[in-house]
Amino acid sequence: MVEYATPRSGDATGRTDLGPVPWLLGAAIAVLLVGVTSPLVSLASGARPLPGAVALARGVAAKNAGHYRRALADFRRSAGAGNSPAMIWLGRLYERGAGAPLNYAKATRWFRKAAAAGSGRAMAEIGLLHYRGRGVPVDYAKAMKWFRKGAAAGSGRAMTDVGILYDHGRGVPVDYATAMKWYRKGAAAGSRWAMLNIGLLYYSGHGVPLNYAKAMRWYRKGAAAGSGTAMSNVGLLFADGDGVPVDYGKALAWWRKAAAVGSGVTSASCTRRAKACRWSTLRP
């Protein structure tokens, strides 16, 4: 489900800190892009720029560089201006203890603020806290309630999460047809996880006839949308020769792509049609 590279605590402890220049350069480019494109988009659409957009861009640049404390500060500035995406990023950093001590209460507080502002993605994040049992007991019924709220608000991620509960029988009976229905909704809304999971249903033959060609098609769609696990699974099909000739060179190339976006390439070590391959789709 959430395809996050798990951030480290503080400012990327344990990795080489290249100093302030790369981060400052990235932040400057991000701010410049926001400063130039935001007014143009707003002018074309007639909408006002998002409040705190510049601070949000700086925060994302800092996060991507592994400077989580700096990211946290910028996300706070942006969230203070009423920016919902910044509120969600704050919640995620507190949930993972990145840039600040792990604090599920603060994570929940920021997710709820964004949800109150109408963010379907934030509603899905609240559902995940109940799904994972982070700061609250595991409660699949509450997770489903929040996922459905997020789906109703238009979040493709939330639609995918509803499907996963049906796919894996979490709080509801296993129902692959209903799972596929929700995955297709999520894919139509742009969710890379939905695209990946549609491919997995075709790969495993759950609820649909086993079809490697369709699995490959959906894995490639998920990969194009940025899913490292989907990239890994494209490699798996080439390695196993499922629906395509065995090609270890292509398999290795796809696994390298997956590794480059932070995927653990867990599916690459699965045996053919192994149930474990499907579980790699769940959010870490």
C-alpha atoms as a PDB file:
ATOM      1  CA  MET A   1       0.000   0.000   0.000  1.00  0.00           C
ATOM      2  CA  VAL A   2       2.047   3.328   0.910  1.00  0.00           C
ATOM      3  CA  GLU A   3       5.260   2.883  -0.989  1.00  0.00           C
ATOM      4  CA  TYR A   4       7.504   4.899   1.281  1.00  0.00           C
ATOM      5  CA  ALA A   5      11.223   4.627   1.664  1.00  0.00           C
ATOM      6  CA  THR A   6      11.360   4.568   5.460  1.00  0.00           C
ATOM      7  CA  PRO A   7      13.162   7.710   6.601  1.00  0.00           C
ATOM      8  CA  ARG A   8      15.808   7.541   9.278  1.00  0.00           C
ATOM      9  CA  SER A   9      15.530   9.462  12.525  1.00  0.00           C
ATOM     10  CA  GLY A  10      16.936  12.959  12.570  1.00  0.00           C
ATOM     11  CA  ASP A  11      19.023  14.147   9.657  1.00  0.00           C
ATOM     12  CA  ALA A  12      19.695  10.865   7.888  1.00  0.00           C
ATOM     13  CA  THR A  13      21.877   9.283  10.578  1.00  0.00           C
ATOM     14  CA  GLY A  14      24.229   6.724   9.121  1.00  0.00           C
ATOM     15  CA  ARG A  15      24.381   8.162   5.608  1.00  0.00           C
ATOM     16  CA  THR A  16      26.993  10.443   4.115  1.00  0.00           C
ATOM     17  CA  ASP A  17      25.921  14.048   4.595  1.00  0.00           C
ATOM     18  CA  LEU A  18      26.985  15.910   1.497  1.00  0.00           C
ATOM     19  CA  GLY A  19      26.581  19.213   3.306  1.00  0.00           C
ATOM     20  CA  PRO A  20      24.207  22.060   2.704  1.00  0.00           C
ATOM     21  CA  VAL A  21      24.997  22.756  -0.954  1.00  0.00           C
ATOM     22  CA  PRO A  22      23.058  19.867  -2.626  1.00  0.00           C
ATOM     23  CA  TRP A  23      20.077  20.431  -0.358  1.00  0.00           C
ATOM     24  CA  LEU A  24      20.152  24.202  -0.842  1.00  0.00           C
ATOM     25  CA  LEU A  25      20.445  23.762  -4.607  1.00  0.00           C
ATOM     26  CA  GLY A  26      17.500  21.360  -4.648  1.00  0.00           C
ATOM     27  CA  ALA A  27      15.454  23.643  -2.430  1.00  0.00           C
ATOM     28  CA  ALA A  28      16.294  26.668  -4.592  1.00  0.00           C
ATOM     29  CA  ILE A  29      15.223  24.830  -7.749  1.00  0.00           C
ATOM     30  CA  ALA A  30      12.007  23.637  -6.068  1.00  0.00           C
ATOM     31  CA  VAL A  31      11.181  27.113  -4.795  1.00  0.00           C
ATOM     32  CA  LEU A  32      11.942  28.634  -8.199  1.00  0.00           C
ATOM     33  CA  LEU A  33       9.680  26.134  -9.934  1.00  0.00           C
ATOM     34  CA  VAL A  34       6.874  26.763  -7.465  1.00  0.00           C
ATOM     35  CA  GLY A  35       7.358  30.511  -7.713  1.00  0.00           C
ATOM     36  CA  VAL A  36       7.163  30.424 -11.506  1.00  0.00           C
ATOM     37  CA  THR A  37       4.563  27.715 -12.113  1.00  0.00           C
ATOM     38  CA  SER A  38       2.131  28.346  -9.266  1.00  0.00           C
ATOM     39  CA  PRO A  39       1.050  31.812 -10.442  1.00  0.00           C
ATOM     40  CA  LEU A  40       0.786  30.563 -14.042  1.00  0.00           C
ATOM     41  CA  VAL A  41      -1.361  27.597 -13.050  1.00  0.00           C
ATOM     42  CA  SER A  42      -3.483  29.811 -10.833  1.00  0.00           C
ATOM     43  CA  LEU A  43      -3.872  32.376 -13.624  1.00  0.00           C
ATOM     44  CA  ALA A  44      -4.946  29.677 -16.077  1.00  0.00           C
ATOM     45  CA  SER A  45      -7.369  28.012 -13.678  1.00  0.00           C
ATOM     46  CA  GLY A  46      -8.635  31.096 -11.917  1.00  0.00           C
ATOM     47  CA  ALA A  47      -7.693  29.537  -8.567  1.00  0.00           C
ATOM     48  CA  ARG A  48      -5.487  31.017  -5.889  1.00  0.00           C
ATOM     49  CA  PRO A  49      -2.070  29.437  -5.234  1.00  0.00           C
ATOM     50  CA  LEU A  50      -1.981  26.968  -2.350  1.00  0.00           C
ATOM     51  CA  PRO A  51      -0.987  28.708   0.890  1.00  0.00           C
ATOM     52  CA  GLY A  52       2.491  27.805   2.054  1.00  0.00           C
ATOM     53  CA  ALA A  53       3.444  26.336  -1.351  1.00  0.00           C
ATOM     54  CA  VAL A  54       7.007  27.655  -1.258  1.00  0.00           C
ATOM     55  CA  ALA A  55       7.679  26.267   2.232  1.00  0.00           C
ATOM     56  CA  LEU A  56       6.133  22.962   1.152  1.00  0.00           C
ATOM     57  CA  ALA A  57       8.486  22.780  -1.856  1.00  0.00           C
ATOM     58  CA  ARG A  58      11.488  23.503   0.382  1.00  0.00           C
ATOM     59  CA  GLY A  59      10.334  20.819   2.792  1.00  0.00           C
ATOM     60  CA  VAL A  60       9.948  18.191   0.070  1.00  0.00           C
ATOM     61  CA  ALA A  61      13.429  19.041  -1.277  1.00  0.00           C
ATOM     62  CA  ALA A  62      14.895  18.710   2.229  1.00  0.00           C
ATOM     63  CA  LYS A  63      13.065  15.420   2.842  1.00  0.00           C
ATOM     64  CA  ASN A  64      14.296  13.977  -0.450  1.00  0.00           C
ATOM     65  CA  ALA A  65      17.850  14.918   0.547  1.00  0.00           C
ATOM     66  CA  GLY A  66      17.436  13.170   3.911  1.00  0.00           C
ATOM     67  CA  HIS A  67      17.397  16.391   5.964  1.00  0.00           C
ATOM     68  CA  TYR A  68      14.314  15.542   7.990  1.00  0.00           C
ATOM     69  CA  ARG A  69      14.666  18.209  10.687  1.00  0.00           C
ATOM     70  CA  ARG A  70      14.810  20.910   8.026  1.00  0.00           C
ATOM     71  CA  ALA A  71      11.869  19.318   6.245  1.00  0.00           C
ATOM     72  CA  LEU A  72       9.885  19.250   9.480  1.00  0.00           C
ATOM     73  CA  ALA A  73      10.472  22.974  10.020  1.00  0.00           C
ATOM     74  CA  ASP A  74       9.356  23.873   6.502  1.00  0.00           C
ATOM     75  CA  PHE A  75       6.333  21.586   6.662  1.00  0.00           C
ATOM     76  CA  ARG A  76       5.320  23.275   9.914  1.00  0.00           C
ATOM     77  CA  ARG A  77       5.511  26.700   8.244  1.00  0.00           C
ATOM     78  CA  SER A  78       3.455  25.485   5.313  1.00  0.00           C
ATOM     79  CA  ALA A  79       0.916  23.676   7.497  1.00  0.00           C
ATOM     80  CA  GLY A  80       0.603  26.804   9.646  1.00  0.00           C
ATOM     81  CA  ALA A  81      -0.504  28.619   6.492  1.00  0.00           C
ATOM     82  CA  GLY A  82      -3.228  26.002   5.985  1.00  0.00           C
ATOM     83  CA  ASN A  83      -1.504  23.730   3.450  1.00  0.00           C
ATOM     84  CA  SER A  84      -3.059  20.231   3.681  1.00  0.00           C
ATOM     85  CA  PRO A  85      -0.251  18.319   1.880  1.00  0.00           C
ATOM     86  CA  ALA A  86       2.226  19.813   4.386  1.00  0.00           C
ATOM     87  CA  MET A  87       0.020  18.605   7.244  1.00  0.00           C
ATOM     88  CA  ILE A  88       0.136  15.093   5.803  1.00  0.00           C
ATOM     89  CA  TRP A  89       3.926  15.210   5.462  1.00  0.00           C
ATOM     90  CA  LEU A  90       4.190  16.369   9.075  1.00  0.00           C
ATOM     91  CA  GLY A  91       2.042  13.445  10.153  1.00  0.00           C
ATOM     92  CA  ARG A  92       4.191  10.996   8.231  1.00  0.00           C
ATOM     93  CA  LEU A  93       7.426  12.309   9.725  1.00  0.00           C
ATOM     94  CA  TYR A  94       6.026  12.063  13.260  1.00  0.00           C
ATOM     95  CA  GLU A  95       4.671   8.588  12.490  1.00  0.00           C
ATOM     96  CA  ARG A  96       8.148   7.446  11.477  1.00  0.00           C
ATOM     97  CA  GLY A  97      10.203   9.384  13.981  1.00  0.00           C
ATOM     98  CA  ALA A  98      12.015  11.262  11.221  1.00  0.00           C
ATOM     99  CA  GLY A  99      13.329  14.687  12.198  1.00  0.00           C
ATOM    100  CA  ALA A 100      11.607  14.433  15.577  1.00  0.00           C
ATOM    101  CA  PRO A 101      10.884  11.690  18.117  1.00  0.00           C
ATOM    102  CA  LEU A 102       8.270   9.193  16.979  1.00  0.00           C
ATOM    103  CA  ASN A 103       4.887  10.489  18.109  1.00  0.00           C
ATOM    104  CA  TYR A 104       1.678   8.831  16.917  1.00  0.00           C
ATOM    105  CA  ALA A 105      -0.496  11.361  18.760  1.00  0.00           C
ATOM    106  CA  LYS A 106       1.050  14.250  16.801  1.00  0.00           C
ATOM    107  CA  ALA A 107       0.858  12.251  13.585  1.00  0.00           C
ATOM    108  CA  THR A 108      -2.845  11.640  14.159  1.00  0.00           C
ATOM    109  CA  ARG A 109      -3.426  15.294  15.026  1.00  0.00           C
ATOM    110  CA  TRP A 110      -1.924  16.491  11.746  1.00  0.00           C
ATOM    111  CA  PHE A 111      -3.698  13.841   9.684  1.00  0.00           C
ATOM    112  CA  ARG A 112      -7.003  14.863  11.274  1.00  0.00           C
ATOM    113  CA  LYS A 113      -6.366  18.541  10.507  1.00  0.00           C
ATOM    114  CA  ALA A 114      -5.797  17.713   6.863  1.00  0.00           C
ATOM    115  CA  ALA A 115      -8.830  15.411   6.827  1.00  0.00           C
ATOM    116  CA  ALA A 116     -10.968  18.186   8.314  1.00  0.00           C
ATOM    117  CA  ALA A 117      -9.833  20.340   5.375  1.00  0.00           C
ATOM    118  CA  GLY A 118     -11.224  17.688   3.015  1.00  0.00           C
ATOM    119  CA  SER A 119      -8.081  15.697   2.148  1.00  0.00           C
ATOM    120  CA  GLY A 120      -8.978  12.146   1.138  1.00  0.00           C
ATOM    121  CA  ARG A 121      -5.309  11.183   1.366  1.00  0.00           C
ATOM    122  CA  ALA A 122      -5.249  12.265   5.017  1.00  0.00           C
ATOM    123  CA  MET A 123      -8.346  10.164   5.692  1.00  0.00           C
ATOM    124  CA  ALA A 124      -6.512   7.181   4.231  1.00  0.00           C
ATOM    125  CA  GLU A 125      -3.544   7.883   6.528  1.00  0.00           C
ATOM    126  CA  ILE A 126      -5.840   7.829   9.577  1.00  0.00           C
ATOM    127  CA  GLY A 127      -7.215   4.518   8.341  1.00  0.00           C
ATOM    128  CA  LEU A 128      -3.663   3.179   8.098  1.00  0.00           C
ATOM    129  CA  LEU A 129      -2.992   4.012  11.735  1.00  0.00           C
ATOM    130  CA  HIS A 130      -5.935   1.773  12.680  1.00  0.00           C
ATOM    131  CA  TYR A 131      -4.847  -0.852  10.127  1.00  0.00           C
ATOM    132  CA  ARG A 132      -1.299  -0.982  11.492  1.00  0.00           C
ATOM    133  CA  GLY A 133      -2.173  -0.437  15.142  1.00  0.00           C
ATOM    134  CA  ARG A 134       0.061   2.613  15.491  1.00  0.00           C
ATOM    135  CA  GLY A 135      -0.937   4.590  18.551  1.00  0.00           C
ATOM    136  CA  VAL A 136      -4.267   2.750  18.602  1.00  0.00           C
ATOM    137  CA  PRO A 137      -5.299  -0.921  18.698  1.00  0.00           C
ATOM    138  CA  VAL A 138      -5.508  -2.667  15.335  1.00  0.00           C
ATOM    139  CA  ASP A 139      -9.078  -2.141  14.162  1.00  0.00           C
ATOM    140  CA  TYR A 140      -9.920  -3.124  10.595  1.00  0.00           C
ATOM    141  CA  ALA A 141     -13.499  -1.828  10.890  1.00  0.00           C
ATOM    142  CA  LYS A 142     -12.251   1.676  11.713  1.00  0.00           C
ATOM    143  CA  ALA A 143      -9.606   1.380   9.020  1.00  0.00           C
ATOM    144  CA  MET A 144     -12.316   0.511   6.487  1.00  0.00           C
ATOM    145  CA  LYS A 145     -14.450   3.443   7.650  1.00  0.00           C
ATOM    146  CA  TRP A 146     -11.620   5.910   7.073  1.00  0.00           C
ATOM    147  CA  PHE A 147     -10.554   4.308   3.800  1.00  0.00           C
ATOM    148  CA  ARG A 148     -14.117   4.630   2.505  1.00  0.00           C
ATOM    149  CA  LYS A 149     -14.230   8.273   3.610  1.00  0.00           C
ATOM    150  CA  GLY A 150     -11.021   8.915   1.746  1.00  0.00           C
ATOM    151  CA  ALA A 151     -12.333   7.091  -1.323  1.00  0.00           C
ATOM    152  CA  ALA A 152     -15.513   9.188  -1.256  1.00  0.00           C
ATOM    153  CA  ALA A 153     -13.275  12.273  -1.154  1.00  0.00           C
ATOM    154  CA  GLY A 154     -11.567  11.084  -4.358  1.00  0.00           C
ATOM    155  CA  SER A 155      -8.333   9.538  -3.038  1.00  0.00           C
ATOM    156  CA  GLY A 156      -7.037   6.782  -5.306  1.00  0.00           C
ATOM    157  CA  ARG A 157      -4.822   5.576  -2.463  1.00  0.00           C
ATOM    158  CA  ALA A 158      -7.858   5.174  -0.192  1.00  0.00           C
ATOM    159  CA  MET A 159      -9.736   3.288  -2.927  1.00  0.00           C
ATOM    160  CA  THR A 160      -6.783   0.932  -3.205  1.00  0.00           C
ATOM    161  CA  ASP A 161      -6.737   0.419   0.562  1.00  0.00           C
ATOM    162  CA  VAL A 162     -10.416  -0.569   0.549  1.00  0.00           C
ATOM    163  CA  GLY A 163      -9.526  -3.123  -2.112  1.00  0.00           C
ATOM    164  CA  ILE A 164      -6.648  -4.496  -0.071  1.00  0.00           C
ATOM    165  CA  LEU A 165      -8.897  -5.187   2.902  1.00  0.00           C
ATOM    166  CA  TYR A 166     -11.137  -7.287   0.633  1.00  0.00           C
ATOM    167  CA  ASP A 167      -8.142  -8.850  -1.133  1.00  0.00           C
ATOM    168  CA  HIS A 168      -6.581 -10.086   2.099  1.00  0.00           C
ATOM    169  CA  GLY A 169      -9.707 -10.553   4.215  1.00  0.00           C
ATOM    170  CA  ARG A 170      -8.947  -7.922   6.843  1.00  0.00           C
ATOM    171  CA  GLY A 171     -12.172  -7.387   8.813  1.00  0.00           C
ATOM    172  CA  VAL A 172     -14.235  -8.640   5.870  1.00  0.00           C
ATOM    173  CA  PRO A 173     -14.397 -11.954   4.020  1.00  0.00           C
ATOM    174  CA  VAL A 174     -11.900 -12.364   1.189  1.00  0.00           C
ATOM    175  CA  ASP A 175     -13.626 -11.089  -1.948  1.00  0.00           C
ATOM    176  CA  TYR A 176     -11.358 -10.796  -4.991  1.00  0.00           C
ATOM    177  CA  ALA A 177     -14.121  -9.455  -7.247  1.00  0.00           C
ATOM    178  CA  THR A 178     -14.802  -6.564  -4.880  1.00  0.00           C
ATOM    179  CA  ALA A 179     -11.072  -6.032  -4.427  1.00  0.00           C
ATOM    180  CA  MET A 180     -10.627  -5.801  -8.202  1.00  0.00           C
ATOM    181  CA  LYS A 181     -13.503  -3.317  -8.438  1.00  0.00           C
ATOM    182  CA  TRP A 182     -11.819  -1.028  -5.915  1.00  0.00           C
ATOM    183  CA  TYR A 183      -8.385  -1.487  -7.487  1.00  0.00           C
ATOM    184  CA  ARG A 184      -9.769  -0.425 -10.859  1.00  0.00           C
ATOM    185  CA  LYS A 185     -11.286   2.668  -9.257  1.00  0.00           C
ATOM    186  CA  GLY A 186      -7.957   3.438  -7.630  1.00  0.00           C
ATOM    187  CA  ALA A 187      -6.069   2.896 -10.897  1.00  0.00           C
ATOM    188  CA  ALA A 188      -8.457   5.254 -12.702  1.00  0.00           C
ATOM    189  CA  ALA A 189      -7.654   7.829 -10.007  1.00  0.00           C
ATOM    190  CA  GLY A 190      -3.924   7.355 -10.661  1.00  0.00           C
ATOM    191  CA  SER A 191      -2.884   5.052  -7.788  1.00  0.00           C
ATOM    192  CA  ARG A 192       0.284   3.120  -8.643  1.00  0.00           C
ATOM    193  CA  TRP A 193      -0.553   0.645  -5.877  1.00  0.00           C
ATOM    194  CA  ALA A 194      -3.898  -0.109  -7.493  1.00  0.00           C
ATOM    195  CA  MET A 195      -2.178  -0.763 -10.824  1.00  0.00           C
ATOM    196  CA  LEU A 196       0.314  -3.061  -9.112  1.00  0.00           C
ATOM    197  CA  ASN A 197      -2.389  -4.992  -7.260  1.00  0.00           C
ATOM    198  CA  ILE A 198      -4.458  -5.514 -10.424  1.00  0.00           C
ATOM    199  CA  GLY A 199      -1.334  -7.047 -11.923  1.00  0.00           C
ATOM    200  CA  LEU A 200      -0.919  -9.260  -8.878  1.00  0.00           C
ATOM    201  CA  LEU A 201      -4.453 -10.613  -9.155  1.00  0.00           C
ATOM    202  CA  TYR A 202      -3.783 -11.579 -12.783  1.00  0.00           C
ATOM    203  CA  TYR A 203      -0.395 -13.020 -11.803  1.00  0.00           C
ATOM    204  CA  SER A 204      -1.862 -15.204  -9.063  1.00  0.00           C
ATOM    205  CA  GLY A 205      -5.174 -15.999 -10.766  1.00  0.00           C
ATOM    206  CA  HIS A 206      -7.178 -14.804  -7.785  1.00  0.00           C
ATOM    207  CA  GLY A 207     -10.720 -13.885  -8.822  1.00  0.00           C
ATOM    208  CA  VAL A 208      -9.676 -13.776 -12.484  1.00  0.00           C
ATOM    209  CA  PRO A 209      -8.119 -16.292 -14.870  1.00  0.00           C
ATOM    210  CA  LEU A 210      -4.344 -16.367 -14.498  1.00  0.00           C
ATOM    211  CA  ASN A 211      -2.960 -14.136 -17.253  1.00  0.00           C
ATOM    212  CA  TYR A 212       0.711 -13.169 -17.340  1.00  0.00           C
ATOM    213  CA  ALA A 213       0.260 -10.802 -20.277  1.00  0.00           C
ATOM    214  CA  LYS A 214      -2.277  -8.758 -18.334  1.00  0.00           C
ATOM    215  CA  ALA A 215      -0.109  -8.974 -15.213  1.00  0.00           C
ATOM    216  CA  MET A 216       2.813  -7.574 -17.208  1.00  0.00           C
ATOM    217  CA  ARG A 217       0.640  -4.790 -18.649  1.00  0.00           C
ATOM    218  CA  TRP A 218      -0.493  -3.663 -15.200  1.00  0.00           C
ATOM    219  CA  TYR A 219       2.960  -4.023 -13.642  1.00  0.00           C
ATOM    220  CA  ARG A 220       4.322  -1.779 -16.383  1.00  0.00           C
ATOM    221  CA  LYS A 221       1.581   0.765 -15.713  1.00  0.00           C
ATOM    222  CA  GLY A 222       2.442   0.726 -12.005  1.00  0.00           C
ATOM    223  CA  ALA A 223       6.147   1.013 -12.840  1.00  0.00           C
ATOM    224  CA  ALA A 224       5.497   4.009 -15.106  1.00  0.00           C
ATOM    225  CA  ALA A 225       3.611   5.601 -12.204  1.00  0.00           C
ATOM    226  CA  GLY A 226       6.682   5.128  -9.964  1.00  0.00           C
ATOM    227  CA  SER A 227       6.045   1.857  -8.107  1.00  0.00           C
ATOM    228  CA  GLY A 228       9.327   0.149  -7.233  1.00  0.00           C
ATOM    229  CA  THR A 229       7.520  -3.088  -6.423  1.00  0.00           C
ATOM    230  CA  ALA A 230       5.892  -3.063  -9.853  1.00  0.00           C
ATOM    231  CA  MET A 231       9.343  -2.599 -11.426  1.00  0.00           C
ATOM    232  CA  SER A 232      10.581  -5.514  -9.356  1.00  0.00           C
ATOM    233  CA  ASN A 233       7.696  -7.700 -10.502  1.00  0.00           C
ATOM    234  CA  VAL A 234       8.308  -6.883 -14.171  1.00  0.00           C
ATOM    235  CA  GLY A 235      11.797  -8.239 -13.540  1.00  0.00           C
ATOM    236  CA  LEU A 236      10.323 -11.314 -11.877  1.00  0.00           C
ATOM    237  CA  LEU A 237       8.284 -12.158 -14.983  1.00  0.00           C
ATOM    238  CA  PHE A 238      11.410 -11.915 -17.143  1.00  0.00           C
ATOM    239  CA  ALA A 239      13.422 -14.012 -14.678  1.00  0.00           C
ATOM    240  CA  ASP A 240      10.791 -16.748 -14.501  1.00  0.00           C
ATOM    241  CA  GLY A 241       9.757 -16.599 -18.143  1.00  0.00           C
ATOM    242  CA  ASP A 242       6.108 -16.076 -17.282  1.00  0.00           C
ATOM    243  CA  GLY A 243       4.390 -14.908 -20.474  1.00  0.00           C
ATOM    244  CA  VAL A 244       7.715 -13.757 -21.921  1.00  0.00           C
ATOM    245  CA  PRO A 245      10.985 -15.504 -22.856  1.00  0.00           C
ATOM    246  CA  VAL A 246      13.416 -15.824 -19.956  1.00  0.00           C
ATOM    247  CA  ASP A 247      15.706 -12.801 -20.069  1.00  0.00           C
ATOM    248  CA  TYR A 248      17.963 -12.323 -17.055  1.00  0.00           C
ATOM    249  CA  GLY A 249      19.450  -9.152 -18.509  1.00  0.00           C
ATOM    250  CA  LYS A 250      16.025  -7.493 -18.615  1.00  0.00           C
ATOM    251  CA  ALA A 251      15.196  -8.884 -15.182  1.00  0.00           C
ATOM    252  CA  LEU A 252      18.362  -7.381 -13.729  1.00  0.00           C
ATOM    253  CA  ALA A 253      17.692  -4.039 -15.446  1.00  0.00           C
ATOM    254  CA  TRP A 254      14.210  -3.852 -13.926  1.00  0.00           C
ATOM    255  CA  TRP A 255      15.473  -4.824 -10.463  1.00  0.00           C
ATOM    256  CA  ARG A 256      18.080  -2.082 -10.688  1.00  0.00           C
ATOM    257  CA  LYS A 257      15.322   0.401 -11.550  1.00  0.00           C
ATOM    258  CA  ALA A 258      13.387  -0.804  -8.520  1.00  0.00           C
ATOM    259  CA  ALA A 259      16.428  -0.435  -6.267  1.00  0.00           C
ATOM    260  CA  ALA A 260      17.042   3.083  -7.611  1.00  0.00           C
ATOM    261  CA  VAL A 261      13.630   4.230  -6.339  1.00  0.00           C
ATOM    262  CA  GLY A 262      14.163   2.651  -2.931  1.00  0.00           C
ATOM    263  CA  SER A 263      12.407  -0.670  -3.399  1.00  0.00           C
ATOM    264  CA  GLY A 264      13.787  -3.580  -1.434  1.00  0.00           C
ATOM    265  CA  VAL A 265      13.104  -5.692  -4.525  1.00  0.00           C
ATOM    266  CA  THR A 266      11.468  -8.222  -2.226  1.00  0.00           C
ATOM    267  CA  SER A 267       9.420  -9.809  -4.983  1.00  0.00           C
ATOM    268  CA  ALA A 268      12.547 -10.666  -6.973  1.00  0.00           C
ATOM    269  CA  SER A 269      13.325 -13.436  -4.498  1.00  0.00           C
ATOM    270  CA  CYS A 270       9.834 -14.958  -4.578  1.00  0.00           C
ATOM    271  CA  THR A 271       9.217 -18.337  -6.118  1.00  0.00           C
ATOM    272  CA  ARG A 272       6.838 -18.413  -9.044  1.00  0.00           C
ATOM    273  CA  ARG A 273       3.295 -17.418  -8.045  1.00  0.00           C
ATOM    274  CA  ALA A 274       4.319 -17.581  -4.379  1.00  0.00           C
ATOM    275  CA  LYS A 275       1.791 -16.084  -1.976  1.00  0.00           C
ATOM    276  CA  ALA A 276       4.636 -14.080  -0.436  1.00  0.00           C
ATOM    277  CA  CYS A 277       4.940 -12.049  -3.633  1.00  0.00           C
ATOM    278  CA  ARG A 278       1.482 -10.656  -3.077  1.00  0.00           C
ATOM    279  CA  TRP A 279       2.232  -9.538   0.467  1.00  0.00           C
ATOM    280  CA  SER A 280       4.992  -7.242  -0.735  1.00  0.00           C
ATOM    281  CA  THR A 281       2.248  -4.882  -1.916  1.00  0.00           C
ATOM    282  CA  LEU A 282       1.134  -4.002   1.590  1.00  0.00           C
ATOM    283  CA  ARG A 283       2.350  -0.655   2.881  1.00  0.00           C
ATOM    284  CA  PRO A 284       5.396  -1.047   5.147  1.00  0.00           C
END
